[in-house]
Each structure stands twice: as C-alpha cells, then as structure tokens.
C-alpha cells in the first residue's frame, strides 16, 4: 500500500509516520507513506497557496490550483483508488471504513487548513471525505495520521500476530473485553480465575460475555447498529 499525504504543514508528521506500527510496515516493505508539501506547488514566488474567500468573511481558504497541480503530478505517476479529503463534515471514520480502505492499494489524503479548501476541490478532485469526529482541528494533518494508522495496522504481515487486529474493539460492533497480565495477584486484586484455567473454550465464552456487557454499558449504540437484541 502507498499513502500520499498532501499538507501545507509537513513537519506535523515528523515523529508520527516513522514510529511504532507505521515504521514497522515501512521497514517490512508493506506500506509506504509519502508526505508532500503543498507549498512546492504554490502559484507564485511568495509560495502562496491560500487566499481570501469570495464574498468576504474571516479566515483564508486553500486555493484550488496548488492542490490540483499536486494531485495531477501524483496521478501522472500511478493510479489511485481513493483521493480522500480530511474534513470535519465528512463521513465519520469507523472500523468498517478502515477495513475497507485496507483493501486499497494507493490513496491520497488531502489535509485541509485554515477555513478549508476551495469547494471545487471537493466537487471535482476527491472521491470521498472522512472525519474523525464532530469537532474542528487546526488542519487535517492529525486526522490523516489517524486514518493512516488505522488502515496500515490491518495490512497482512504488519502486526506480529495478525489475529490481534481481528479482536480489537469495533471489529464486530463490540468493545474489546478486559485484558490482564502478570502478576495474577497484586495488592489482593486478582485476575479472573477463568483466564488462568487453561480452558480455552471457557476463556473465549467469558471474553464474549464481557464484550457484550461492556458494549451495553459503554456503547449501546453499537448493539443497535448491529441489530443485536441480546
């Protein structure tokens, strides 16, 4: 997989894409993340990439020309499955969307900034819009990093134990069960006996029971989404 990120603040990705799972994916040759500075496609010597909005109002707007030039350059080099704009009013990122995107080969993530991008970018240059929540960030950089991480960790071979991703929260519209590690007793706080019993069938049954309990308590909306009546 290759993810190209277009941003006017490339330094925000320093220390993010070269750590942990994302670094491991790159080292294994399973995924590449390339960050492109939008100012490299500026319209003049002043490196201009934004301008005032027609009709007035506070804030600057990213111009269509630099964005179009950057996307066109990337598309001249390879085909892309998706050109995604990180937007607060896009479709809210979910595990299902991450699963879907993990099956893609090449993607572009466009980071907005200031008051956003010229609407013609959204109308003509992108294939979908994604949000990471109902709030506004300074720009789309943090959201793009979240998308990249949530997608790349699902690629086969990235995680040492591929079944780990399959048991994460939200994979089956359920929250993950509680987990424990050594020591089995600490300050008189004990690990549930079933987990140290060695009886795998009982352990899995306990975990599922706890998943349902936690989901009912913390995220009942997920049960409604899945249609579960339990």
C-alpha atoms as a PDB file:
ATOM      1  CA  UNK A   1       0.000   0.000   0.000  1.00  0.00           C
ATOM      2  CA  UNK A   2       1.077   3.547  -0.707  1.00  0.00           C
ATOM      3  CA  UNK A   3      -0.442   6.577   1.031  1.00  0.00           C
ATOM      4  CA  UNK A   4       0.411  10.063  -0.241  1.00  0.00           C
ATOM      5  CA  UNK A   5      -0.425  12.887   2.151  1.00  0.00           C
ATOM      6  CA  UNK A   6      -0.812  16.436   0.838  1.00  0.00           C
ATOM      7  CA  UNK A   7      -0.319  19.099   3.504  1.00  0.00           C
ATOM      8  CA  UNK A   8       0.874  22.648   3.989  1.00  0.00           C
ATOM      9  CA  UNK A   9       2.413  21.663   7.353  1.00  0.00           C
ATOM     10  CA  UNK A  10       4.562  18.585   6.584  1.00  0.00           C
ATOM     11  CA  UNK A  11       6.503  18.915   9.842  1.00  0.00           C
ATOM     12  CA  UNK A  12       3.394  17.771  11.742  1.00  0.00           C
ATOM     13  CA  UNK A  13       4.080  14.231  10.509  1.00  0.00           C
ATOM     14  CA  UNK A  14       7.632  14.179  11.828  1.00  0.00           C
ATOM     15  CA  UNK A  15       7.877  11.555  14.537  1.00  0.00           C
ATOM     16  CA  UNK A  16       4.491  10.069  13.650  1.00  0.00           C
ATOM     17  CA  UNK A  17       4.939   8.038  10.490  1.00  0.00           C
ATOM     18  CA  UNK A  18       8.393   6.778  11.461  1.00  0.00           C
ATOM     19  CA  UNK A  19       7.379   5.199  14.763  1.00  0.00           C
ATOM     20  CA  UNK A  20       5.698   2.033  16.002  1.00  0.00           C
ATOM     21  CA  UNK A  21       3.380   0.152  13.617  1.00  0.00           C
ATOM     22  CA  UNK A  22       3.770   2.630  10.757  1.00  0.00           C
ATOM     23  CA  UNK A  23       7.553   2.336  10.873  1.00  0.00           C
ATOM     24  CA  UNK A  24       7.321  -1.448  11.078  1.00  0.00           C
ATOM     25  CA  UNK A  25       5.095  -1.540   7.998  1.00  0.00           C
ATOM     26  CA  UNK A  26       7.604   0.588   6.111  1.00  0.00           C
ATOM     27  CA  UNK A  27      10.586  -1.485   7.224  1.00  0.00           C
ATOM     28  CA  UNK A  28       8.809  -4.641   6.042  1.00  0.00           C
ATOM     29  CA  UNK A  29       8.024  -3.062   2.680  1.00  0.00           C
ATOM     30  CA  UNK A  30       4.288  -3.497   3.274  1.00  0.00           C
ATOM     31  CA  UNK A  31       3.314   0.174   3.224  1.00  0.00           C
ATOM     32  CA  UNK A  32       4.781   3.500   2.206  1.00  0.00           C
ATOM     33  CA  UNK A  33       3.727   6.941   3.403  1.00  0.00           C
ATOM     34  CA  UNK A  34       4.908   9.941   1.404  1.00  0.00           C
ATOM     35  CA  UNK A  35       4.271  13.477   2.630  1.00  0.00           C
ATOM     36  CA  UNK A  36       4.029  16.255   0.040  1.00  0.00           C
ATOM     37  CA  UNK A  37       4.402  19.929   0.882  1.00  0.00           C
ATOM     38  CA  UNK A  38       1.607  21.840  -0.841  1.00  0.00           C
ATOM     39  CA  UNK A  39       3.856  24.918  -0.969  1.00  0.00           C
ATOM     40  CA  UNK A  40       6.002  23.123  -3.539  1.00  0.00           C
ATOM     41  CA  UNK A  41       3.061  23.695  -5.890  1.00  0.00           C
ATOM     42  CA  UNK A  42       2.468  27.335  -4.939  1.00  0.00           C
ATOM     43  CA  UNK A  43       1.249  29.754  -7.615  1.00  0.00           C
ATOM     44  CA  UNK A  44       3.992  32.388  -7.213  1.00  0.00           C
ATOM     45  CA  UNK A  45       7.405  33.178  -5.722  1.00  0.00           C
ATOM     46  CA  UNK A  46       5.743  34.088  -2.450  1.00  0.00           C
ATOM     47  CA  UNK A  47       4.739  30.439  -2.062  1.00  0.00           C
ATOM     48  CA  UNK A  48       1.083  31.427  -1.988  1.00  0.00           C
ATOM     49  CA  UNK A  49      -1.340  28.540  -1.516  1.00  0.00           C
ATOM     50  CA  UNK A  50      -4.283  30.355   0.108  1.00  0.00           C
ATOM     51  CA  UNK A  51      -6.405  33.434  -0.459  1.00  0.00           C
ATOM     52  CA  UNK A  52      -9.402  35.322   0.900  1.00  0.00           C
ATOM     53  CA  UNK A  53     -12.841  33.840   0.366  1.00  0.00           C
ATOM     54  CA  UNK A  54     -15.078  35.344  -2.297  1.00  0.00           C
ATOM     55  CA  UNK A  55     -17.918  37.184  -0.603  1.00  0.00           C
ATOM     56  CA  UNK A  56     -15.832  38.080   2.429  1.00  0.00           C
ATOM     57  CA  UNK A  57     -15.631  36.528   5.864  1.00  0.00           C
ATOM     58  CA  UNK A  58     -12.874  35.662   8.291  1.00  0.00           C
ATOM     59  CA  UNK A  59     -10.149  33.157   7.523  1.00  0.00           C
ATOM     60  CA  UNK A  60      -8.186  32.036   4.487  1.00  0.00           C
ATOM     61  CA  UNK A  61      -9.028  29.293   2.004  1.00  0.00           C
ATOM     62  CA  UNK A  62      -6.623  26.854   0.353  1.00  0.00           C
ATOM     63  CA  UNK A  63      -6.600  27.565  -3.383  1.00  0.00           C
ATOM     64  CA  UNK A  64      -7.586  25.019  -5.987  1.00  0.00           C
ATOM     65  CA  UNK A  65      -4.573  25.459  -8.308  1.00  0.00           C
ATOM     66  CA  UNK A  66      -1.786  24.182  -5.985  1.00  0.00           C
ATOM     67  CA  UNK A  67      -3.955  21.242  -4.902  1.00  0.00           C
ATOM     68  CA  UNK A  68      -4.850  20.360  -8.477  1.00  0.00           C
ATOM     69  CA  UNK A  69      -1.196  20.536  -9.542  1.00  0.00           C
ATOM     70  CA  UNK A  70      -0.083  18.234  -6.730  1.00  0.00           C
ATOM     71  CA  UNK A  71      -2.820  15.657  -7.306  1.00  0.00           C
ATOM     72  CA  UNK A  72      -2.225  15.737 -11.069  1.00  0.00           C
ATOM     73  CA  UNK A  73       1.500  15.162 -10.533  1.00  0.00           C
ATOM     74  CA  UNK A  74       0.836  12.149  -8.320  1.00  0.00           C
ATOM     75  CA  UNK A  75      -1.761  10.720 -10.699  1.00  0.00           C
ATOM     76  CA  UNK A  76       0.695  11.001 -13.586  1.00  0.00           C
ATOM     77  CA  UNK A  77       2.954   8.551 -11.752  1.00  0.00           C
ATOM     78  CA  UNK A  78       0.412   5.891 -10.635  1.00  0.00           C
ATOM     79  CA  UNK A  79      -3.265   5.094 -10.337  1.00  0.00           C
ATOM     80  CA  UNK A  80      -5.090   5.873  -7.105  1.00  0.00           C
ATOM     81  CA  UNK A  81      -8.037   4.017  -5.632  1.00  0.00           C
ATOM     82  CA  UNK A  82      -9.091   6.961  -3.478  1.00  0.00           C
ATOM     83  CA  UNK A  83      -8.438  10.684  -3.127  1.00  0.00           C
ATOM     84  CA  UNK A  84      -9.683  11.461   0.373  1.00  0.00           C
ATOM     85  CA  UNK A  85     -10.254  14.899   1.849  1.00  0.00           C
ATOM     86  CA  UNK A  86      -9.962  15.055   5.642  1.00  0.00           C
ATOM     87  CA  UNK A  87     -12.981  17.143   6.555  1.00  0.00           C
ATOM     88  CA  UNK A  88     -14.945  17.718   9.799  1.00  0.00           C
ATOM     89  CA  UNK A  89     -18.189  17.231   7.867  1.00  0.00           C
ATOM     90  CA  UNK A  90     -17.121  14.044   6.095  1.00  0.00           C
ATOM     91  CA  UNK A  91     -18.241  10.513   6.920  1.00  0.00           C
ATOM     92  CA  UNK A  92     -17.133   9.656  10.439  1.00  0.00           C
ATOM     93  CA  UNK A  93     -14.253   7.181  10.428  1.00  0.00           C
ATOM     94  CA  UNK A  94     -15.246   3.735  11.662  1.00  0.00           C
ATOM     95  CA  UNK A  95     -13.577   0.344  11.872  1.00  0.00           C
ATOM     96  CA  UNK A  96     -15.634  -0.687   8.862  1.00  0.00           C
ATOM     97  CA  UNK A  97     -14.201   2.153   6.783  1.00  0.00           C
ATOM     98  CA  UNK A  98     -10.665   1.311   7.931  1.00  0.00           C
ATOM     99  CA  UNK A  99     -11.252  -2.320   6.964  1.00  0.00           C
ATOM    100  CA  UNK A 100     -12.477  -1.222   3.537  1.00  0.00           C
ATOM    101  CA  UNK A 101      -9.547   1.116   2.952  1.00  0.00           C
ATOM    102  CA  UNK A 102      -7.060  -1.569   3.989  1.00  0.00           C
ATOM    103  CA  UNK A 103      -8.003  -3.418   0.798  1.00  0.00           C
ATOM    104  CA  UNK A 104      -6.947  -0.489  -1.385  1.00  0.00           C
ATOM    105  CA  UNK A 105      -3.539  -0.146  -2.994  1.00  0.00           C
ATOM    106  CA  UNK A 106      -2.871   3.576  -3.426  1.00  0.00           C
ATOM    107  CA  UNK A 107      -4.541   6.502  -1.654  1.00  0.00           C
ATOM    108  CA  UNK A 108      -4.143  10.247  -1.422  1.00  0.00           C
ATOM    109  CA  UNK A 109      -5.064  12.007   1.828  1.00  0.00           C
ATOM    110  CA  UNK A 110      -5.621  15.744   1.414  1.00  0.00           C
ATOM    111  CA  UNK A 111      -5.306  17.818   4.582  1.00  0.00           C
ATOM    112  CA  UNK A 112      -7.379  20.958   4.795  1.00  0.00           C
ATOM    113  CA  UNK A 113      -6.200  24.021   6.694  1.00  0.00           C
ATOM    114  CA  UNK A 114      -7.446  27.452   7.687  1.00  0.00           C
ATOM    115  CA  UNK A 115     -11.123  27.650   6.574  1.00  0.00           C
ATOM    116  CA  UNK A 116     -10.766  24.600   4.354  1.00  0.00           C
ATOM    117  CA  UNK A 117     -10.305  24.189   0.615  1.00  0.00           C
ATOM    118  CA  UNK A 118     -11.892  25.784  -2.431  1.00  0.00           C
ATOM    119  CA  UNK A 119     -15.203  23.948  -2.882  1.00  0.00           C
ATOM    120  CA  UNK A 120     -14.250  22.988  -6.436  1.00  0.00           C
ATOM    121  CA  UNK A 121     -11.621  20.656  -4.965  1.00  0.00           C
ATOM    122  CA  UNK A 122     -14.378  18.769  -3.195  1.00  0.00           C
ATOM    123  CA  UNK A 123     -16.613  18.807  -6.254  1.00  0.00           C
ATOM    124  CA  UNK A 124     -14.090  17.634  -8.847  1.00  0.00           C
ATOM    125  CA  UNK A 125     -10.866  16.232  -7.371  1.00  0.00           C
ATOM    126  CA  UNK A 126     -11.710  13.947  -4.460  1.00  0.00           C
ATOM    127  CA  UNK A 127     -13.530  10.630  -4.212  1.00  0.00           C
ATOM    128  CA  UNK A 128     -14.651  10.744  -0.571  1.00  0.00           C
ATOM    129  CA  UNK A 129     -14.481  12.804   2.611  1.00  0.00           C
ATOM    130  CA  UNK A 130     -13.642  11.437   6.047  1.00  0.00           C
ATOM    131  CA  UNK A 131     -13.925  12.978   9.513  1.00  0.00           C
ATOM    132  CA  UNK A 132     -12.519  11.585  12.766  1.00  0.00           C
ATOM    133  CA  UNK A 133     -15.175  13.245  14.928  1.00  0.00           C
ATOM    134  CA  UNK A 134     -17.592  16.089  15.416  1.00  0.00           C
ATOM    135  CA  UNK A 135     -15.043  18.728  16.275  1.00  0.00           C
ATOM    136  CA  UNK A 136     -12.690  21.046  14.401  1.00  0.00           C
ATOM    137  CA  UNK A 137      -8.899  20.783  14.336  1.00  0.00           C
ATOM    138  CA  UNK A 138      -6.396  23.355  13.094  1.00  0.00           C
ATOM    139  CA  UNK A 139      -5.910  21.230   9.996  1.00  0.00           C
ATOM    140  CA  UNK A 140      -6.386  17.750   8.615  1.00  0.00           C
ATOM    141  CA  UNK A 141      -2.901  16.515   9.487  1.00  0.00           C
ATOM    142  CA  UNK A 142      -3.742  14.772  12.754  1.00  0.00           C
ATOM    143  CA  UNK A 143      -6.824  13.232  11.151  1.00  0.00           C
ATOM    144  CA  UNK A 144      -4.757  11.960   8.213  1.00  0.00           C
ATOM    145  CA  UNK A 145      -2.288  10.352  10.625  1.00  0.00           C
ATOM    146  CA  UNK A 146      -5.182   8.645  12.406  1.00  0.00           C
ATOM    147  CA  UNK A 147      -6.537   7.268   9.126  1.00  0.00           C
ATOM    148  CA  UNK A 148      -3.111   6.051   8.009  1.00  0.00           C
ATOM    149  CA  UNK A 149      -2.500   4.289  11.323  1.00  0.00           C
ATOM    150  CA  UNK A 150      -5.956   2.698  11.492  1.00  0.00           C
ATOM    151  CA  UNK A 151      -5.614   1.352   7.949  1.00  0.00           C
ATOM    152  CA  UNK A 152      -1.984   0.246   7.792  1.00  0.00           C
ATOM    153  CA  UNK A 153      -2.139  -1.758  11.019  1.00  0.00           C
ATOM    154  CA  UNK A 154      -4.711  -4.001   9.304  1.00  0.00           C
ATOM    155  CA  UNK A 155      -2.431  -4.994   6.439  1.00  0.00           C
ATOM    156  CA  UNK A 156      -1.391  -8.663   6.495  1.00  0.00           C
ATOM    157  CA  UNK A 157       2.081  -9.053   7.955  1.00  0.00           C
ATOM    158  CA  UNK A 158       2.251  -5.649   9.650  1.00  0.00           C
ATOM    159  CA  UNK A 159       1.414  -6.919  13.125  1.00  0.00           C
ATOM    160  CA  UNK A 160       3.382  -9.820  14.560  1.00  0.00           C
ATOM    161  CA  UNK A 161       0.121 -11.558  15.471  1.00  0.00           C
ATOM    162  CA  UNK A 162      -2.414 -10.881  12.723  1.00  0.00           C
ATOM    163  CA  UNK A 163      -5.277 -12.144  14.880  1.00  0.00           C
ATOM    164  CA  UNK A 164      -4.686  -9.219  17.227  1.00  0.00           C
ATOM    165  CA  UNK A 165      -6.349  -6.740  14.871  1.00  0.00           C
ATOM    166  CA  UNK A 166      -9.320  -9.042  14.438  1.00  0.00           C
ATOM    167  CA  UNK A 167     -10.043  -8.908  18.174  1.00  0.00           C
ATOM    168  CA  UNK A 168      -9.851  -5.123  18.500  1.00  0.00           C
ATOM    169  CA  UNK A 169     -12.783  -3.040  19.618  1.00  0.00           C
ATOM    170  CA  UNK A 170     -15.423  -2.342  16.949  1.00  0.00           C
ATOM    171  CA  UNK A 171     -14.440  -5.191  14.623  1.00  0.00           C
ATOM    172  CA  UNK A 172     -17.752  -6.933  15.367  1.00  0.00           C
ATOM    173  CA  UNK A 173     -19.565  -3.854  16.652  1.00  0.00           C
ATOM    174  CA  UNK A 174     -18.452  -4.847  20.150  1.00  0.00           C
ATOM    175  CA  UNK A 175     -15.955  -3.282  22.536  1.00  0.00           C
ATOM    176  CA  UNK A 176     -12.909  -5.405  23.353  1.00  0.00           C
ATOM    177  CA  UNK A 177     -13.028  -7.422  26.606  1.00  0.00           C
ATOM    178  CA  UNK A 178     -10.867  -6.639  29.653  1.00  0.00           C
ATOM    179  CA  UNK A 179      -7.295  -7.893  29.483  1.00  0.00           C
ATOM    180  CA  UNK A 180      -4.842  -8.816  32.258  1.00  0.00           C
ATOM    181  CA  UNK A 181      -1.189  -9.775  32.560  1.00  0.00           C
ATOM    182  CA  UNK A 182       1.258 -10.935  35.233  1.00  0.00           C
ATOM    183  CA  UNK A 183       1.221 -10.998  38.197  1.00  0.00           C
ATOM    184  CA  UNK A 184      -2.028 -12.902  38.691  1.00  0.00           C
ATOM    185  CA  UNK A 185      -2.480 -11.178  42.053  1.00  0.00           C
ATOM    186  CA  UNK A 186      -1.417  -7.671  43.036  1.00  0.00           C
ATOM    187  CA  UNK A 187      -2.468  -5.816  46.204  1.00  0.00           C
ATOM    188  CA  UNK A 188      -5.131  -8.518  46.659  1.00  0.00           C
ATOM    189  CA  UNK A 189      -6.503  -7.649  43.200  1.00  0.00           C
ATOM    190  CA  UNK A 190      -6.861 -10.939  41.385  1.00  0.00           C
ATOM    191  CA  UNK A 191      -7.121 -11.868  37.725  1.00  0.00           C
ATOM    192  CA  UNK A 192     -10.385 -13.739  36.976  1.00  0.00           C
ATOM    193  CA  UNK A 193      -9.724 -17.422  37.529  1.00  0.00           C
ATOM    194  CA  UNK A 194     -11.115 -18.443  34.146  1.00  0.00           C
ATOM    195  CA  UNK A 195      -8.235 -16.671  32.410  1.00  0.00           C
ATOM    196  CA  UNK A 196      -5.647 -18.789  34.213  1.00  0.00           C
ATOM    197  CA  UNK A 197      -7.623 -22.032  33.886  1.00  0.00           C
ATOM    198  CA  UNK A 198      -6.134 -23.036  30.541  1.00  0.00           C
ATOM    199  CA  UNK A 199      -9.637 -23.937  29.312  1.00  0.00           C
ATOM    200  CA  UNK A 200      -9.700 -22.032  26.029  1.00  0.00           C
ATOM    201  CA  UNK A 201     -13.390 -22.581  25.246  1.00  0.00           C
ATOM    202  CA  UNK A 202     -14.401 -21.169  28.628  1.00  0.00           C
ATOM    203  CA  UNK A 203     -11.984 -18.275  28.193  1.00  0.00           C
ATOM    204  CA  UNK A 204     -13.464 -17.349  24.815  1.00  0.00           C
ATOM    205  CA  UNK A 205     -17.004 -17.603  26.219  1.00  0.00           C
ATOM    206  CA  UNK A 206     -16.018 -15.328  29.131  1.00  0.00           C
ATOM    207  CA  UNK A 207     -14.427 -12.811  26.784  1.00  0.00           C
ATOM    208  CA  UNK A 208     -17.506 -12.662  24.574  1.00  0.00           C
ATOM    209  CA  UNK A 209     -19.754 -12.220  27.607  1.00  0.00           C
ATOM    210  CA  UNK A 210     -17.608  -9.332  28.809  1.00  0.00           C
ATOM    211  CA  UNK A 211     -17.602  -7.773  25.330  1.00  0.00           C
ATOM    212  CA  UNK A 212     -21.381  -7.713  25.296  1.00  0.00           C
ATOM    213  CA  UNK A 213     -21.558  -6.397  28.877  1.00  0.00           C
ATOM    214  CA  UNK A 214     -19.091  -3.605  28.174  1.00  0.00           C
ATOM    215  CA  UNK A 215     -20.768  -2.644  24.923  1.00  0.00           C
ATOM    216  CA  UNK A 216     -24.191  -2.468  26.590  1.00  0.00           C
ATOM    217  CA  UNK A 217     -22.758  -0.278  29.339  1.00  0.00           C
ATOM    218  CA  UNK A 218     -20.450   1.983  27.349  1.00  0.00           C
ATOM    219  CA  UNK A 219     -21.660   1.963  23.732  1.00  0.00           C
ATOM    220  CA  UNK A 220     -25.230   0.626  23.450  1.00  0.00           C
ATOM    221  CA  UNK A 221     -25.469   2.390  20.093  1.00  0.00           C
ATOM    222  CA  UNK A 222     -23.145  -0.253  18.643  1.00  0.00           C
ATOM    223  CA  UNK A 223     -25.591  -3.015  19.543  1.00  0.00           C
ATOM    224  CA  UNK A 224     -28.403  -1.112  17.840  1.00  0.00           C
ATOM    225  CA  UNK A 225     -26.186  -0.650  14.803  1.00  0.00           C
ATOM    226  CA  UNK A 226     -25.519  -4.376  14.551  1.00  0.00           C
ATOM    227  CA  UNK A 227     -29.156  -5.228  15.129  1.00  0.00           C
ATOM    228  CA  UNK A 228     -28.340  -7.351  18.174  1.00  0.00           C
ATOM    229  CA  UNK A 229     -31.204  -7.914  20.615  1.00  0.00           C
ATOM    230  CA  UNK A 230     -29.078  -9.631  23.260  1.00  0.00           C
END
